[in-house]
């Protein structure tokens, strides 16, 4: 079984800021965000990773499994 994934580095977790999701969702294979984190040179230690989880569940329903 193949898996597909998308890397995203953004401070805004929504379909407007995460590019490529719609195209990946068209492929009928298991999908995941393989890498994610803050955009730019911000301090990753201060990034709210829980925001990524809640944004994923809200903006990518049906494909997000937590």
Protein backbone atom coordinates (compact mmCIF):
# COMPACT_ATOMS: atom_id res chain seq x y z
CA UNK A 1 0.00 0.00 0.00
CA UNK A 2 1.32 3.43 -0.90
CA UNK A 3 1.06 6.41 1.37
CA UNK A 4 1.10 10.02 0.26
CA UNK A 5 1.91 13.12 2.26
CA UNK A 6 2.24 16.85 2.21
CA UNK A 7 4.81 19.03 3.92
CA UNK A 8 3.60 22.40 5.17
CA UNK A 9 5.22 25.22 7.08
CA UNK A 10 2.71 27.91 7.97
CA UNK A 11 1.41 29.81 10.95
CA UNK A 12 -2.15 29.51 9.60
CA UNK A 13 -3.66 26.03 9.45
CA UNK A 14 -6.46 26.25 6.91
CA UNK A 15 -7.13 25.30 3.31
CA UNK A 16 -6.25 28.81 2.12
CA UNK A 17 -2.70 28.60 3.48
CA UNK A 18 -1.92 24.90 3.00
CA UNK A 19 -1.43 24.52 -0.74
CA UNK A 20 -1.72 21.17 -2.49
CA UNK A 21 -4.23 19.58 -0.14
CA UNK A 22 -7.10 19.56 -2.64
CA UNK A 23 -4.94 17.78 -5.22
CA UNK A 24 -3.68 15.24 -2.69
CA UNK A 25 -7.23 14.54 -1.47
CA UNK A 26 -8.19 13.54 -5.03
CA UNK A 27 -5.75 10.61 -4.87
CA UNK A 28 -7.39 7.59 -3.29
CA UNK A 29 -4.51 6.65 -0.99
CA UNK A 30 -3.86 7.07 2.73
CA UNK A 31 -2.76 10.66 3.33
CA UNK A 32 -0.92 12.51 6.06
CA UNK A 33 0.90 15.71 6.80
CA UNK A 34 4.42 14.30 6.78
CA UNK A 35 6.13 17.48 7.96
CA UNK A 36 4.65 20.61 9.48
CA UNK A 37 5.74 23.54 11.56
CA UNK A 38 6.04 27.31 11.73
CA UNK A 39 6.69 29.48 8.69
CA UNK A 40 10.01 31.26 8.39
CA UNK A 41 12.58 31.82 11.05
CA UNK A 42 10.21 31.87 14.02
CA UNK A 43 11.24 29.88 17.08
CA UNK A 44 9.77 26.37 16.68
CA UNK A 45 9.88 25.98 20.46
CA UNK A 46 7.19 28.65 20.71
CA UNK A 47 4.97 27.30 17.92
CA UNK A 48 1.56 26.12 19.11
CA UNK A 49 1.43 22.62 17.61
CA UNK A 50 -2.04 22.07 19.12
CA UNK A 51 -3.25 24.77 16.71
CA UNK A 52 -2.13 22.51 13.85
CA UNK A 53 -4.18 19.60 15.23
CA UNK A 54 -7.35 21.65 15.73
CA UNK A 55 -6.95 23.43 12.37
CA UNK A 56 -6.47 20.12 10.58
CA UNK A 57 -9.62 18.65 12.09
CA UNK A 58 -11.63 21.79 11.30
CA UNK A 59 -10.42 22.59 7.77
CA UNK A 60 -9.69 19.10 6.46
CA UNK A 61 -12.66 17.00 7.65
CA UNK A 62 -13.05 13.44 6.53
CA UNK A 63 -9.35 13.11 5.85
CA UNK A 64 -8.01 14.02 9.25
CA UNK A 65 -7.55 11.30 11.85
CA UNK A 66 -6.14 12.31 15.20
